[in-house]
Amino acid sequence: MMKIWNRAYLPMVNWSLGFVTLIKPKNILDIGVGNGASSNLLKNYFTASTIYGIDYSDIAIEQAKKNYSTERLKFETKNILKTEYPARSFDLIFAFQTHFHWEDLKIALVEIKRILADEGELLIACEHSKLNYYLPNLKDAERFQQYLSDLGLFLIQKEATSTWIFYRIVKENERINDNA
């Protein structure tokens, strides 16, 4: 299954990296890492950063550790609903092909906001088909923005291909500061 995921979705990860604007993030979180291939790609892309990969599956994390664990690439079994990381720990948080599977999207986004650095960014990428199937009420960017706004988050960028969609999200206070 993971080999299929790597072939199908690592190109989406690469495409998403083209929209990254933070030049030197210190700490990066990769949510829902599966076998760790996306985290390894991030480690190679952000050569001065420490990458933390999390997944709720012990089996996935064991595989990720076996395949890719290094001093700059750390894997842990954690649920995004309650990570127990200190507040403002991460400059960049990635969610590739995963946010529609979270048990409670609202609670997960509140937790992400808590652990996201004040000037950090949450980057989400997934297939349109998954978004349409699992989160049909949020497939429209305006509706998604309203949902995020209610949580103190702001959608600052949306990109799409015929297959994939990408979102760049910041804390609401950072959007206001950028416009001041």
Protein backbone atom coordinates (compact mmCIF):
# COMPACT_ATOMS: atom_id res chain seq x y z
CA MET A 1 0.00 0.00 0.00
CA MET A 2 2.77 2.45 0.90
CA LYS A 3 4.55 1.88 -2.43
CA ILE A 4 1.36 2.94 -4.19
CA TRP A 5 1.08 5.98 -1.91
CA ASN A 6 4.68 6.96 -2.68
CA ARG A 7 4.17 6.70 -6.44
CA ALA A 8 0.83 8.48 -6.42
CA TYR A 9 1.37 11.21 -3.85
CA LEU A 10 5.06 12.07 -3.68
CA PRO A 11 4.60 14.01 -6.94
CA MET A 12 1.90 16.02 -5.11
CA VAL A 13 4.35 16.68 -2.28
CA ASN A 14 6.95 17.93 -4.77
CA TRP A 15 4.36 20.12 -6.49
CA SER A 16 3.34 21.59 -3.11
CA LEU A 17 6.92 22.48 -2.23
CA GLY A 18 6.90 24.89 -5.16
CA PHE A 19 4.60 27.14 -3.11
CA VAL A 20 6.74 27.29 0.03
CA THR A 21 7.82 30.83 0.87
CA LEU A 22 9.53 30.38 4.26
CA ILE A 23 13.22 30.20 3.45
CA LYS A 24 14.74 28.75 6.62
CA PRO A 25 12.17 27.15 8.89
CA LYS A 26 13.77 25.68 12.00
CA ASN A 27 11.17 23.05 12.96
CA ILE A 28 8.76 21.40 10.55
CA LEU A 29 5.88 19.05 11.35
CA ASP A 30 4.63 16.51 8.80
CA ILE A 31 1.21 15.13 9.79
CA GLY A 32 0.09 11.64 8.75
CA VAL A 33 3.45 10.44 7.49
CA GLY A 34 2.66 6.81 6.76
CA ASN A 35 5.99 5.18 5.89
CA GLY A 36 7.89 8.48 6.21
CA ALA A 37 8.66 9.13 2.55
CA SER A 38 7.14 12.63 2.57
CA SER A 39 9.11 13.53 5.71
CA ASN A 40 12.31 12.28 4.11
CA LEU A 41 11.61 14.41 1.06
CA LEU A 42 11.10 17.42 3.36
CA LYS A 43 14.40 16.65 5.11
CA ASN A 44 16.19 16.74 1.77
CA TYR A 45 14.41 19.95 0.71
CA PHE A 46 14.92 21.84 4.00
CA THR A 47 18.53 20.94 4.72
CA ALA A 48 18.89 23.12 7.84
CA SER A 49 15.58 22.12 9.44
CA THR A 50 14.52 19.44 11.87
CA ILE A 51 11.54 17.47 10.58
CA TYR A 52 9.06 15.83 12.95
CA GLY A 53 6.82 13.23 11.36
CA ILE A 54 3.72 12.04 13.18
CA ASP A 55 1.10 9.42 12.50
CA TYR A 56 -1.49 7.82 14.77
CA SER A 57 -0.44 4.37 13.56
CA ASP A 58 2.32 2.64 15.54
CA ILE A 59 2.97 0.37 12.55
CA ALA A 60 3.45 3.33 10.21
CA ILE A 61 5.82 5.05 12.62
CA GLU A 62 7.85 1.85 13.10
CA GLN A 63 8.22 1.63 9.31
CA ALA A 64 9.14 5.31 9.02
CA LYS A 65 11.78 4.99 11.73
CA LYS A 66 13.21 1.89 10.05
CA ASN A 67 13.34 3.58 6.63
CA TYR A 68 14.33 7.16 7.33
CA SER A 69 15.01 8.16 10.94
CA THR A 70 18.06 10.44 11.40
CA GLU A 71 19.15 13.16 13.79
CA ARG A 72 17.20 15.73 11.73
CA LEU A 73 14.23 13.47 11.02
CA LYS A 74 12.24 12.27 14.03
CA PHE A 75 9.10 10.14 14.00
CA GLU A 76 6.52 9.77 16.75
CA THR A 77 3.15 8.15 17.19
CA LYS A 78 0.81 11.05 17.89
CA ASN A 79 -2.75 12.05 17.16
CA ILE A 80 -3.12 15.53 15.66
CA LEU A 81 -6.08 16.17 17.95
CA LYS A 82 -3.68 16.39 20.93
CA THR A 83 0.01 16.35 20.12
CA GLU A 84 1.42 17.52 23.47
CA TYR A 85 4.04 19.62 21.65
CA PRO A 86 4.77 22.98 23.27
CA ALA A 87 2.87 25.98 21.90
CA ARG A 88 4.36 27.67 18.83
CA SER A 89 6.81 24.78 18.18
CA PHE A 90 6.66 24.66 14.37
CA ASP A 91 7.45 27.17 11.64
CA LEU A 92 5.91 24.99 8.95
CA ILE A 93 3.27 22.30 9.28
CA PHE A 94 2.45 20.06 6.33
CA ALA A 95 -0.64 17.89 5.87
CA PHE A 96 -0.44 15.86 2.67
CA GLN A 97 -3.50 13.82 1.72
CA THR A 98 -4.61 13.55 5.35
CA HIS A 99 -6.77 16.36 6.76
CA PHE A 100 -10.00 14.81 5.49
CA HIS A 101 -9.25 11.70 7.60
CA TRP A 102 -8.84 13.52 10.91
CA GLU A 103 -11.35 12.37 13.48
CA ASP A 104 -12.41 15.96 14.25
CA LEU A 105 -11.18 18.58 11.80
CA LYS A 106 -12.06 21.50 14.06
CA ILE A 107 -10.17 20.13 17.08
CA ALA A 108 -7.20 19.24 14.85
CA LEU A 109 -7.03 22.75 13.39
CA VAL A 110 -7.24 24.30 16.86
CA GLU A 111 -4.33 22.08 17.94
CA ILE A 112 -2.37 23.02 14.80
CA LYS A 113 -2.97 26.70 15.51
CA ARG A 114 -1.65 26.17 19.04
CA ILE A 115 1.59 24.49 17.93
CA LEU A 116 2.14 26.74 14.88
CA ALA A 117 4.66 29.56 15.38
CA ASP A 118 3.12 33.02 15.27
CA GLU A 119 4.54 33.67 11.80
CA GLY A 120 4.31 30.02 10.75
CA GLU A 121 2.33 28.44 7.95
CA LEU A 122 0.12 25.40 7.61
CA LEU A 123 0.32 23.89 4.13
CA ILE A 124 -2.34 21.38 3.10
CA ALA A 125 -2.37 19.45 -0.17
CA CYS A 126 -4.69 16.69 -1.33
CA GLU A 127 -6.58 15.30 -4.26
CA HIS A 128 -9.75 17.10 -5.31
CA SER A 129 -11.57 13.76 -5.34
CA LYS A 130 -10.78 13.08 -1.67
CA LEU A 131 -11.86 16.58 -0.66
CA ASN A 132 -15.09 16.25 -2.64
CA TYR A 133 -15.84 12.89 -1.07
CA TYR A 134 -14.83 13.42 2.57
CA LEU A 135 -15.35 17.18 3.05
CA PRO A 136 -17.89 18.27 0.43
CA ASN A 137 -19.04 21.22 2.55
CA LEU A 138 -15.49 22.62 2.59
CA LYS A 139 -14.46 22.07 -1.03
CA ASP A 140 -15.36 25.67 -1.89
CA ALA A 141 -12.51 28.04 -0.91
CA GLU A 142 -14.90 30.69 0.45
CA ARG A 143 -16.61 28.17 2.74
CA PHE A 144 -13.28 26.77 3.83
CA GLN A 145 -12.06 30.31 4.60
CA GLN A 146 -15.14 30.97 6.74
CA TYR A 147 -14.57 27.69 8.59
CA LEU A 148 -10.93 28.64 9.21
CA SER A 149 -11.80 32.19 10.22
CA ASP A 150 -14.08 30.89 12.96
CA LEU A 151 -10.96 29.17 14.37
CA GLY A 152 -8.66 32.19 14.07
CA LEU A 153 -6.97 30.95 10.90
CA PHE A 154 -6.81 32.52 7.45
CA LEU A 155 -6.47 31.02 3.97
CA ILE A 156 -3.92 33.17 2.14
CA GLN A 157 -3.33 31.03 -0.94
CA LYS A 158 -5.11 28.35 -2.93
CA GLU A 159 -3.57 26.61 -5.94
CA ALA A 160 -4.94 23.77 -8.00
CA THR A 161 -4.30 21.41 -10.86
CA SER A 162 -6.88 19.13 -12.41
CA THR A 163 -6.00 16.54 -9.74
CA TRP A 164 -4.59 18.33 -6.68
CA ILE A 165 -5.41 21.28 -4.46
CA PHE A 166 -3.07 23.24 -2.19
CA TYR A 167 -3.84 25.63 0.68
CA ARG A 168 -1.53 28.01 2.57
CA ILE A 169 -3.00 28.94 5.96
CA VAL A 170 -1.73 31.33 8.65
CA LYS A 171 -2.93 32.50 12.02
CA GLU A 172 -5.48 35.30 11.68
CA ASN A 173 -3.30 37.77 13.62
CA GLU A 174 -0.47 37.28 11.11
CA ARG A 175 -2.72 38.13 8.19
CA ILE A 176 -3.76 41.33 9.94
CA ASN A 177 -0.12 42.19 10.71
CA ASP A 178 0.86 41.64 7.06
CA ASN A 179 -1.79 44.12 5.94
CA ALA A 180 -0.84 46.82 8.48
